[in-house]
Amino acid sequence: MQKRILVVDDDSMNLMRTKMILSKTYDVVLVRSGIEALNTLKREKMDLVLLDIEMPKMNGITTFERLKEFDSDTPVIFLTA
């Protein structure tokens, strides 16, 4: 079974590029906001989260803090332009 990576970025071009690069090796799930990321992570297990720092409404740092309240095991790598 492929490892699952959640990619969180408000830029659709970044999401598509990341999926193109990683989808040959990983099951890639794309979301466009911190809120979507949290909802996804409450429902589904991921092996890694790639998280953009600069996003509207809820930035990556706040998303990370809220994520760690209910999931302290999933590794997170922060991304920024």
Protein backbone atom coordinates (compact mmCIF):
# COMPACT_ATOMS: atom_id res chain seq x y z
CA MET A 1 0.00 0.00 0.00
CA GLN A 2 1.31 3.45 -0.96
CA LYS A 3 2.10 6.02 1.70
CA ARG A 4 -0.39 8.91 1.81
CA ILE A 5 0.66 12.54 1.66
CA LEU A 6 -1.68 15.45 2.32
CA VAL A 7 -0.63 18.60 0.47
CA VAL A 8 -2.12 21.84 1.79
CA ASP A 9 -1.72 24.96 -0.34
CA ASP A 10 -4.03 27.76 -1.48
CA ASP A 11 -2.21 27.96 -4.83
CA SER A 12 -3.72 25.46 -7.28
CA MET A 13 -0.61 25.50 -9.50
CA ASN A 14 1.57 24.45 -6.54
CA LEU A 15 -0.88 21.66 -5.75
CA MET A 16 -0.81 20.32 -9.30
CA ARG A 17 2.98 20.47 -9.54
CA THR A 18 3.38 18.67 -6.24
CA LYS A 19 0.91 15.99 -7.28
CA MET A 20 2.71 15.47 -10.61
CA ILE A 21 6.01 14.98 -8.81
CA LEU A 22 4.82 12.74 -5.98
CA SER A 23 1.93 10.72 -7.39
CA LYS A 24 4.14 8.09 -9.03
CA THR A 25 5.34 6.98 -5.61
CA TYR A 26 2.68 8.21 -3.15
CA ASP A 27 -1.06 8.51 -2.80
CA VAL A 28 -1.42 12.31 -2.85
CA VAL A 29 -4.42 14.12 -1.38
CA LEU A 30 -4.79 17.83 -2.19
CA VAL A 31 -6.62 20.50 -0.18
CA ARG A 32 -6.67 24.28 -0.53
CA SER A 33 -7.01 25.49 3.07
CA GLY A 34 -6.13 24.79 6.66
CA ILE A 35 -9.78 24.10 7.46
CA GLU A 36 -9.99 21.49 4.70
CA ALA A 37 -6.75 19.95 5.96
CA LEU A 38 -8.06 19.59 9.50
CA ASN A 39 -11.34 18.09 8.30
CA THR A 40 -9.45 15.62 6.09
CA LEU A 41 -7.07 14.62 8.88
CA LYS A 42 -9.96 13.98 11.27
CA ARG A 43 -11.42 11.49 8.76
CA GLU A 44 -8.35 9.96 7.13
CA LYS A 45 -4.90 8.77 8.19
CA MET A 46 -1.97 10.41 6.40
CA ASP A 47 1.71 9.49 6.56
CA LEU A 48 2.92 13.04 5.96
CA VAL A 49 1.54 16.57 5.62
CA LEU A 50 3.14 19.15 3.34
CA LEU A 51 1.77 22.43 4.68
CA ASP A 52 2.03 25.89 3.13
CA ILE A 53 2.74 28.60 5.69
CA GLU A 54 1.10 31.58 3.96
CA MET A 55 -2.60 30.94 3.38
CA PRO A 56 -5.65 33.19 3.86
CA LYS A 57 -8.03 32.76 6.83
CA MET A 58 -5.97 30.09 8.61
CA ASN A 59 -2.23 30.09 8.01
CA GLY A 60 0.00 27.03 8.20
CA ILE A 61 1.21 27.71 11.74
CA THR A 62 -2.35 27.88 13.12
CA THR A 63 -3.31 24.80 11.11
CA PHE A 64 -0.31 22.95 12.57
CA GLU A 65 -1.20 23.97 16.14
CA ARG A 66 -4.79 22.77 15.72
CA LEU A 67 -3.65 19.55 14.05
CA LYS A 68 -1.38 18.69 16.97
CA GLU A 69 -4.37 18.98 19.36
CA PHE A 70 -5.80 15.74 17.95
CA ASP A 71 -2.94 14.16 15.96
CA SER A 72 0.53 14.37 17.40
CA ASP A 73 2.00 11.52 15.31
CA THR A 74 1.71 12.70 11.70
CA PRO A 75 4.90 14.45 10.53
CA VAL A 76 4.52 17.90 9.00
CA ILE A 77 6.86 19.69 6.60
CA PHE A 78 6.25 23.40 6.12
CA LEU A 79 6.41 24.89 2.63
CA THR A 80 6.70 28.51 1.53
CA ALA A 81 7.31 30.33 -1.72
